[in-house]
Amino acid sequence: MKHQNLHDLAKFAAGLVLADFICGWWFASAGIRSINFLGTTWTPSIVVPWMIFDAALFIILVHYGWHIGKTPTLRSRSYFLLVGIILGIVALAHLVRLFSSTEVEIAGWIVPLWLSWIGVAAAAYLSYMSFRLAMSSKK
């Protein structure tokens, strides 16, 4: 895909995100208690994170779509280090969940504890490989 097509797609997506933000604003100002949509219950407590996410996504899409400022390039070594740190934090979070026996519920489904063992293994391995690639890449 050419860069111009990606910029145009970002402009279109920015319009969709703006429309979603306006819907969230309407939802908050109309005083609606809750809405069931596609099997998910939307309550007023979810509106603030929804609008913050939409605002951040809108800023990113506008920045890319209309070439506002120069986007700095990230060196591969820095990228691998950042990914390794994030995946290490994810592996650590799974370990904390395992040892504290914390229940996690996603859309009414209670995530089994054994699934965190897979999460620890996958995230730790990917973190290790990211650090390994970072150390082997050119400075």
C-alpha atoms as a PDB file:
ATOM      1  CA  MET A   1       0.000   0.000   0.000  1.00  0.00           C
ATOM      2  CA  LYS A   2       1.344   3.408  -0.895  1.00  0.00           C
ATOM      3  CA  HIS A   3       1.891   6.057   1.740  1.00  0.00           C
ATOM      4  CA  GLN A   4      -0.730   8.361   0.227  1.00  0.00           C
ATOM      5  CA  ASN A   5      -3.357   5.627   0.552  1.00  0.00           C
ATOM      6  CA  LEU A   6      -2.397   5.145   4.214  1.00  0.00           C
ATOM      7  CA  HIS A   7      -2.671   8.895   4.841  1.00  0.00           C
ATOM      8  CA  ASP A   8      -6.120   8.935   3.236  1.00  0.00           C
ATOM      9  CA  LEU A   9      -7.158   5.916   5.293  1.00  0.00           C
ATOM     10  CA  ALA A  10      -5.962   7.691   8.457  1.00  0.00           C
ATOM     11  CA  LYS A  11      -8.076  10.741   7.534  1.00  0.00           C
ATOM     12  CA  PHE A  12     -11.151   8.545   7.041  1.00  0.00           C
ATOM     13  CA  ALA A  13     -10.512   6.689  10.314  1.00  0.00           C
ATOM     14  CA  ALA A  14     -10.105  10.030  12.121  1.00  0.00           C
ATOM     15  CA  GLY A  15     -13.626  10.941  11.005  1.00  0.00           C
ATOM     16  CA  LEU A  16     -15.000   7.639  12.298  1.00  0.00           C
ATOM     17  CA  VAL A  17     -13.237   8.071  15.635  1.00  0.00           C
ATOM     18  CA  LEU A  18     -14.584  11.625  15.911  1.00  0.00           C
ATOM     19  CA  ALA A  19     -18.096  10.293  15.301  1.00  0.00           C
ATOM     20  CA  ASP A  20     -17.553   7.665  18.004  1.00  0.00           C
ATOM     21  CA  PHE A  21     -16.345  10.400  20.389  1.00  0.00           C
ATOM     22  CA  ILE A  22     -19.491  12.436  19.691  1.00  0.00           C
ATOM     23  CA  CYS A  23     -21.634   9.345  20.391  1.00  0.00           C
ATOM     24  CA  GLY A  24     -19.827   8.933  23.723  1.00  0.00           C
ATOM     25  CA  TRP A  25     -20.433  12.580  24.547  1.00  0.00           C
ATOM     26  CA  TRP A  26     -24.117  12.165  23.696  1.00  0.00           C
ATOM     27  CA  PHE A  27     -24.294   9.018  25.822  1.00  0.00           C
ATOM     28  CA  ALA A  28     -22.799  10.877  28.807  1.00  0.00           C
ATOM     29  CA  SER A  29     -24.933  14.007  28.444  1.00  0.00           C
ATOM     30  CA  ALA A  30     -28.239  12.213  27.794  1.00  0.00           C
ATOM     31  CA  GLY A  31     -28.230  10.624  31.247  1.00  0.00           C
ATOM     32  CA  ILE A  32     -28.789   7.107  29.932  1.00  0.00           C
ATOM     33  CA  ARG A  33     -28.303   4.495  32.644  1.00  0.00           C
ATOM     34  CA  SER A  34     -27.110   1.620  30.438  1.00  0.00           C
ATOM     35  CA  ILE A  35     -27.353   0.215  26.919  1.00  0.00           C
ATOM     36  CA  ASN A  36     -27.022  -3.385  25.774  1.00  0.00           C
ATOM     37  CA  PHE A  37     -25.173  -3.540  22.473  1.00  0.00           C
ATOM     38  CA  LEU A  38     -23.878  -6.736  20.869  1.00  0.00           C
ATOM     39  CA  GLY A  39     -24.131  -8.602  24.160  1.00  0.00           C
ATOM     40  CA  THR A  40     -22.160  -5.993  26.104  1.00  0.00           C
ATOM     41  CA  THR A  41     -23.679  -3.652  28.657  1.00  0.00           C
ATOM     42  CA  TRP A  42     -22.431  -0.069  28.310  1.00  0.00           C
ATOM     43  CA  THR A  43     -22.761   1.929  31.524  1.00  0.00           C
ATOM     44  CA  PRO A  44     -21.900   5.569  32.341  1.00  0.00           C
ATOM     45  CA  SER A  45     -18.754   4.391  34.174  1.00  0.00           C
ATOM     46  CA  ILE A  46     -17.211   3.276  30.886  1.00  0.00           C
ATOM     47  CA  VAL A  47     -17.773   6.579  29.077  1.00  0.00           C
ATOM     48  CA  VAL A  48     -14.715   8.430  30.430  1.00  0.00           C
ATOM     49  CA  PRO A  49     -12.153   5.761  29.380  1.00  0.00           C
ATOM     50  CA  TRP A  50     -14.000   5.439  26.059  1.00  0.00           C
ATOM     51  CA  MET A  51     -13.701   9.180  25.371  1.00  0.00           C
ATOM     52  CA  ILE A  52     -10.046   9.344  26.490  1.00  0.00           C
ATOM     53  CA  PHE A  53      -9.170   6.470  24.153  1.00  0.00           C
ATOM     54  CA  ASP A  54     -11.057   8.089  21.279  1.00  0.00           C
ATOM     55  CA  ALA A  55      -9.340  11.444  21.864  1.00  0.00           C
ATOM     56  CA  ALA A  56      -5.872   9.859  21.897  1.00  0.00           C
ATOM     57  CA  LEU A  57      -6.603   7.805  18.783  1.00  0.00           C
ATOM     58  CA  PHE A  58      -8.017  10.865  17.009  1.00  0.00           C
ATOM     59  CA  ILE A  59      -4.851  12.874  17.746  1.00  0.00           C
ATOM     60  CA  ILE A  60      -2.641  10.069  16.398  1.00  0.00           C
ATOM     61  CA  LEU A  61      -4.722   9.663  13.231  1.00  0.00           C
ATOM     62  CA  VAL A  62      -4.835  13.411  12.550  1.00  0.00           C
ATOM     63  CA  HIS A  63      -1.083  13.633  13.098  1.00  0.00           C
ATOM     64  CA  TYR A  64      -0.421  10.868  10.580  1.00  0.00           C
ATOM     65  CA  GLY A  65      -3.158  11.734   8.087  1.00  0.00           C
ATOM     66  CA  TRP A  66      -2.284  15.387   7.645  1.00  0.00           C
ATOM     67  CA  HIS A  67       1.519  15.137   8.116  1.00  0.00           C
ATOM     68  CA  ILE A  68       1.593  17.349  11.194  1.00  0.00           C
ATOM     69  CA  GLY A  69       5.225  17.503  12.242  1.00  0.00           C
ATOM     70  CA  LYS A  70       7.881  14.967  11.444  1.00  0.00           C
ATOM     71  CA  THR A  71       7.493  11.462  12.821  1.00  0.00           C
ATOM     72  CA  PRO A  72      10.840  10.414  14.289  1.00  0.00           C
ATOM     73  CA  THR A  73      12.172   7.038  13.246  1.00  0.00           C
ATOM     74  CA  LEU A  74      12.861   4.510  15.952  1.00  0.00           C
ATOM     75  CA  ARG A  75      16.078   2.552  15.659  1.00  0.00           C
ATOM     76  CA  SER A  76      15.672  -1.211  15.712  1.00  0.00           C
ATOM     77  CA  ARG A  77      17.752  -1.546  18.889  1.00  0.00           C
ATOM     78  CA  SER A  78      15.509   0.906  20.768  1.00  0.00           C
ATOM     79  CA  TYR A  79      12.409  -0.807  19.409  1.00  0.00           C
ATOM     80  CA  PHE A  80      13.548  -4.258  20.543  1.00  0.00           C
ATOM     81  CA  LEU A  81      14.462  -2.917  23.990  1.00  0.00           C
ATOM     82  CA  LEU A  82      11.059  -1.266  24.373  1.00  0.00           C
ATOM     83  CA  VAL A  83       9.213  -4.406  23.261  1.00  0.00           C
ATOM     84  CA  GLY A  84      11.339  -6.534  25.594  1.00  0.00           C
ATOM     85  CA  ILE A  85      10.501  -4.304  28.561  1.00  0.00           C
ATOM     86  CA  ILE A  86       6.766  -4.313  27.787  1.00  0.00           C
ATOM     87  CA  LEU A  87       6.674  -8.097  27.351  1.00  0.00           C
ATOM     88  CA  GLY A  88       8.673  -8.526  30.557  1.00  0.00           C
ATOM     89  CA  ILE A  89       6.057  -6.487  32.414  1.00  0.00           C
ATOM     90  CA  VAL A  90       3.296  -8.641  30.897  1.00  0.00           C
ATOM     91  CA  ALA A  91       5.088 -11.839  32.012  1.00  0.00           C
ATOM     92  CA  LEU A  92       5.515 -10.365  35.496  1.00  0.00           C
ATOM     93  CA  ALA A  93       1.807  -9.448  35.639  1.00  0.00           C
ATOM     94  CA  HIS A  94       0.882 -13.043  34.771  1.00  0.00           C
ATOM     95  CA  LEU A  95       3.206 -14.312  37.513  1.00  0.00           C
ATOM     96  CA  VAL A  96       1.630 -11.971  40.051  1.00  0.00           C
ATOM     97  CA  ARG A  97      -1.795 -13.218  38.987  1.00  0.00           C
ATOM     98  CA  LEU A  98      -0.680 -16.837  39.414  1.00  0.00           C
ATOM     99  CA  PHE A  99       0.755 -16.372  42.908  1.00  0.00           C
ATOM    100  CA  SER A 100      -2.049 -14.135  44.159  1.00  0.00           C
ATOM    101  CA  SER A 101      -4.825 -16.280  42.572  1.00  0.00           C
ATOM    102  CA  THR A 102      -6.575 -13.161  41.303  1.00  0.00           C
ATOM    103  CA  GLU A 103      -9.695 -13.758  39.225  1.00  0.00           C
ATOM    104  CA  VAL A 104      -9.975 -11.933  35.901  1.00  0.00           C
ATOM    105  CA  GLU A 105     -13.345 -11.550  34.210  1.00  0.00           C
ATOM    106  CA  ILE A 106     -13.735 -10.529  30.575  1.00  0.00           C
ATOM    107  CA  ALA A 107     -17.288  -9.925  29.343  1.00  0.00           C
ATOM    108  CA  GLY A 108     -18.732 -12.301  31.934  1.00  0.00           C
ATOM    109  CA  TRP A 109     -16.165 -15.062  31.290  1.00  0.00           C
ATOM    110  CA  ILE A 110     -13.842 -15.881  34.163  1.00  0.00           C
ATOM    111  CA  VAL A 111     -10.364 -16.465  32.730  1.00  0.00           C
ATOM    112  CA  PRO A 112      -8.947 -19.741  34.085  1.00  0.00           C
ATOM    113  CA  LEU A 113      -5.770 -19.539  36.133  1.00  0.00           C
ATOM    114  CA  TRP A 114      -3.932 -22.088  33.979  1.00  0.00           C
ATOM    115  CA  LEU A 115      -4.108 -19.672  31.054  1.00  0.00           C
ATOM    116  CA  SER A 116      -1.644 -17.396  32.876  1.00  0.00           C
ATOM    117  CA  TRP A 117       0.981 -20.163  32.740  1.00  0.00           C
ATOM    118  CA  ILE A 118       0.798 -19.965  28.954  1.00  0.00           C
ATOM    119  CA  GLY A 119       0.918 -16.165  29.186  1.00  0.00           C
ATOM    120  CA  VAL A 120       4.049 -16.301  31.367  1.00  0.00           C
ATOM    121  CA  ALA A 121       5.812 -18.712  29.022  1.00  0.00           C
ATOM    122  CA  ALA A 122       4.922 -16.822  25.826  1.00  0.00           C
ATOM    123  CA  ALA A 123       5.612 -13.312  27.163  1.00  0.00           C
ATOM    124  CA  ALA A 124       8.862 -14.331  28.870  1.00  0.00           C
ATOM    125  CA  TYR A 125      10.154 -16.064  25.738  1.00  0.00           C
ATOM    126  CA  LEU A 126       9.248 -13.117  23.496  1.00  0.00           C
ATOM    127  CA  SER A 127      10.830 -10.710  25.985  1.00  0.00           C
ATOM    128  CA  TYR A 128      14.024 -12.770  26.035  1.00  0.00           C
ATOM    129  CA  MET A 129      14.143 -12.881  22.229  1.00  0.00           C
ATOM    130  CA  SER A 130      13.559  -9.118  22.015  1.00  0.00           C
ATOM    131  CA  PHE A 131      16.449  -8.410  24.382  1.00  0.00           C
ATOM    132  CA  ARG A 132      18.623 -10.883  22.481  1.00  0.00           C
ATOM    133  CA  LEU A 133      17.833  -9.166  19.170  1.00  0.00           C
ATOM    134  CA  ALA A 134      18.470  -5.756  20.744  1.00  0.00           C
ATOM    135  CA  MET A 135      21.899  -6.803  21.916  1.00  0.00           C
ATOM    136  CA  SER A 136      22.830  -8.338  18.562  1.00  0.00           C
ATOM    137  CA  SER A 137      21.659  -5.361  16.451  1.00  0.00           C
ATOM    138  CA  LYS A 138      24.047  -2.621  15.387  1.00  0.00           C
ATOM    139  CA  LYS A 139      24.400   0.412  17.590  1.00  0.00           C
END
